[in-house]
Amino acid sequence: MNKSTGLKRHAVLIYDANGLKNFWEEIIEVHTKQKEVEDSRLTKSALNKLRCEWAQRLEGRTRMLQKSSEKPEGQHTLLSVDSFQQIQKTVT
C-alpha cells in the first residue's frame, strides 16, 4: 500500500448483549431517579395551593360583582373553584 493514502486502523469498541443491556439499564435507572425527584419537587410545590387561593378570590369577586348588578343571561361568568380544579387535573 502507498504511504500517501494514510490508512490507519481505528480502535473499534465492541459490546456484547450483556454490556448493552447494562448500559441501557443504567440510563433507565438514572432517568427514573430524575423523574422521582421531579415528581417529589412538584408535590412539595406551593403552586397548586396558590392556584386554589386565586380561584377562590376570583370566585368571591365574581359573587360580589353579581350581587352589585344583575347580569344578562347570555354573559359568561368566571370559572368556579371546582371547575378550575377539574381543568387543572386534566392538564397535569
C-alpha atoms as a PDB file:
ATOM      1  CA  MET A   1       0.000   0.000   0.000  1.00  0.00           C
ATOM      2  CA  ASN A   2       1.002   3.513  -0.618  1.00  0.00           C
ATOM      3  CA  LYS A   3       2.014   5.583   2.410  1.00  0.00           C
ATOM      4  CA  SER A   4       0.307   8.652   0.987  1.00  0.00           C
ATOM      5  CA  THR A   5      -3.169   7.141   1.425  1.00  0.00           C
ATOM      6  CA  GLY A   6      -2.741   7.381   5.178  1.00  0.00           C
ATOM      7  CA  LEU A   7      -4.614   4.220   6.112  1.00  0.00           C
ATOM      8  CA  LYS A   8      -4.806   3.817   9.824  1.00  0.00           C
ATOM      9  CA  ARG A   9      -6.585   1.329  11.958  1.00  0.00           C
ATOM     10  CA  HIS A  10      -9.093   2.881  14.291  1.00  0.00           C
ATOM     11  CA  ALA A  11      -9.986   1.341  17.582  1.00  0.00           C
ATOM     12  CA  VAL A  12     -13.392  -0.295  17.411  1.00  0.00           C
ATOM     13  CA  LEU A  13     -15.452  -0.702  20.536  1.00  0.00           C
ATOM     14  CA  ILE A  14     -17.375  -3.938  20.570  1.00  0.00           C
ATOM     15  CA  TYR A  15     -20.177  -4.526  23.026  1.00  0.00           C
ATOM     16  CA  ASP A  16     -21.800  -7.797  23.730  1.00  0.00           C
ATOM     17  CA  ALA A  17     -25.502  -8.118  24.526  1.00  0.00           C
ATOM     18  CA  ASN A  18     -24.886  -8.075  28.280  1.00  0.00           C
ATOM     19  CA  GLY A  19     -22.852  -4.886  28.050  1.00  0.00           C
ATOM     20  CA  LEU A  20     -25.584  -3.125  26.054  1.00  0.00           C
ATOM     21  CA  LYS A  21     -28.223  -4.357  28.457  1.00  0.00           C
ATOM     22  CA  ASN A  22     -26.257  -2.999  31.438  1.00  0.00           C
ATOM     23  CA  PHE A  23     -25.696   0.320  29.655  1.00  0.00           C
ATOM     24  CA  TRP A  24     -29.415   0.875  28.997  1.00  0.00           C
ATOM     25  CA  GLU A  25     -30.399  -0.322  32.467  1.00  0.00           C
ATOM     26  CA  GLU A  26     -28.109   2.344  33.945  1.00  0.00           C
ATOM     27  CA  ILE A  27     -29.621   5.006  31.673  1.00  0.00           C
ATOM     28  CA  ILE A  28     -33.146   3.940  32.665  1.00  0.00           C
ATOM     29  CA  GLU A  29     -32.221   3.926  36.355  1.00  0.00           C
ATOM     30  CA  VAL A  30     -30.809   7.457  36.167  1.00  0.00           C
ATOM     31  CA  HIS A  31     -33.897   8.658  34.288  1.00  0.00           C
ATOM     32  CA  THR A  32     -36.207   7.014  36.840  1.00  0.00           C
ATOM     33  CA  LYS A  33     -34.388   8.693  39.733  1.00  0.00           C
ATOM     34  CA  GLN A  34     -34.598  12.074  37.999  1.00  0.00           C
ATOM     35  CA  LYS A  35     -38.332  11.564  37.390  1.00  0.00           C
ATOM     36  CA  GLU A  36     -38.915  10.660  41.057  1.00  0.00           C
ATOM     37  CA  VAL A  37     -37.021  13.761  42.219  1.00  0.00           C
ATOM     38  CA  GLU A  38     -39.049  15.956  39.846  1.00  0.00           C
ATOM     39  CA  ASP A  39     -42.358  14.405  40.976  1.00  0.00           C
ATOM     40  CA  SER A  40     -41.370  14.929  44.612  1.00  0.00           C
ATOM     41  CA  ARG A  41     -40.470  18.544  43.898  1.00  0.00           C
ATOM     42  CA  LEU A  42     -43.827  19.168  42.208  1.00  0.00           C
ATOM     43  CA  THR A  43     -45.817  17.676  45.093  1.00  0.00           C
ATOM     44  CA  LYS A  44     -43.981  19.935  47.550  1.00  0.00           C
ATOM     45  CA  SER A  45     -44.562  22.991  45.372  1.00  0.00           C
ATOM     46  CA  ALA A  46     -46.866  25.708  46.632  1.00  0.00           C
ATOM     47  CA  LEU A  47     -48.145  26.383  43.123  1.00  0.00           C
ATOM     48  CA  ASN A  48     -51.291  24.260  43.482  1.00  0.00           C
ATOM     49  CA  LYS A  49     -52.163  25.945  46.757  1.00  0.00           C
ATOM     50  CA  LEU A  50     -51.682  29.373  45.189  1.00  0.00           C
ATOM     51  CA  ARG A  51     -53.859  28.438  42.213  1.00  0.00           C
ATOM     52  CA  CYS A  52     -56.674  27.343  44.517  1.00  0.00           C
ATOM     53  CA  GLU A  53     -56.380  30.528  46.574  1.00  0.00           C
ATOM     54  CA  TRP A  54     -56.553  32.681  43.442  1.00  0.00           C
ATOM     55  CA  ALA A  55     -59.527  30.693  42.158  1.00  0.00           C
ATOM     56  CA  GLN A  56     -61.323  31.312  45.458  1.00  0.00           C
ATOM     57  CA  ARG A  57     -60.507  35.019  45.282  1.00  0.00           C
ATOM     58  CA  LEU A  58     -61.830  35.216  41.736  1.00  0.00           C
ATOM     59  CA  GLU A  59     -64.977  33.366  42.718  1.00  0.00           C
ATOM     60  CA  GLY A  60     -65.536  35.747  45.641  1.00  0.00           C
ATOM     61  CA  ARG A  61     -65.024  38.739  43.390  1.00  0.00           C
ATOM     62  CA  THR A  62     -67.452  37.310  40.856  1.00  0.00           C
ATOM     63  CA  ARG A  63     -70.083  36.821  43.552  1.00  0.00           C
ATOM     64  CA  MET A  64     -69.553  40.364  44.756  1.00  0.00           C
ATOM     65  CA  LEU A  65     -69.944  41.764  41.246  1.00  0.00           C
ATOM     66  CA  GLN A  66     -73.044  39.667  40.626  1.00  0.00           C
ATOM     67  CA  LYS A  67     -74.654  40.951  43.817  1.00  0.00           C
ATOM     68  CA  SER A  68     -73.966  44.569  42.922  1.00  0.00           C
ATOM     69  CA  SER A  69     -75.546  44.341  39.483  1.00  0.00           C
ATOM     70  CA  GLU A  70     -77.661  41.725  37.772  1.00  0.00           C
ATOM     71  CA  LYS A  71     -76.080  40.422  34.588  1.00  0.00           C
ATOM     72  CA  PRO A  72     -77.813  39.479  31.337  1.00  0.00           C
ATOM     73  CA  GLU A  73     -78.356  35.736  30.821  1.00  0.00           C
ATOM     74  CA  GLY A  74     -76.045  35.490  27.794  1.00  0.00           C
ATOM     75  CA  GLN A  75     -72.998  36.767  29.652  1.00  0.00           C
ATOM     76  CA  HIS A  76     -70.361  34.234  30.787  1.00  0.00           C
ATOM     77  CA  THR A  77     -69.021  34.005  34.328  1.00  0.00           C
ATOM     78  CA  LEU A  78     -65.581  33.152  35.645  1.00  0.00           C
ATOM     79  CA  LEU A  79     -64.739  29.537  36.453  1.00  0.00           C
ATOM     80  CA  SER A  80     -65.707  28.194  39.842  1.00  0.00           C
ATOM     81  CA  VAL A  81     -63.122  26.548  42.082  1.00  0.00           C
ATOM     82  CA  ASP A  82     -64.486  23.073  41.274  1.00  0.00           C
ATOM     83  CA  SER A  83     -64.330  23.538  37.515  1.00  0.00           C
ATOM     84  CA  PHE A  84     -60.869  25.112  37.835  1.00  0.00           C
ATOM     85  CA  GLN A  85     -59.601  22.085  39.775  1.00  0.00           C
ATOM     86  CA  GLN A  86     -61.070  19.703  37.191  1.00  0.00           C
ATOM     87  CA  ILE A  87     -59.322  21.573  34.385  1.00  0.00           C
ATOM     88  CA  GLN A  88     -56.092  21.563  36.371  1.00  0.00           C
ATOM     89  CA  LYS A  89     -56.289  17.770  36.874  1.00  0.00           C
ATOM     90  CA  THR A  90     -56.721  17.182  33.146  1.00  0.00           C
ATOM     91  CA  VAL A  91     -53.751  19.404  32.309  1.00  0.00           C
ATOM     92  CA  THR A  92     -51.325  17.768  34.771  1.00  0.00           C
END
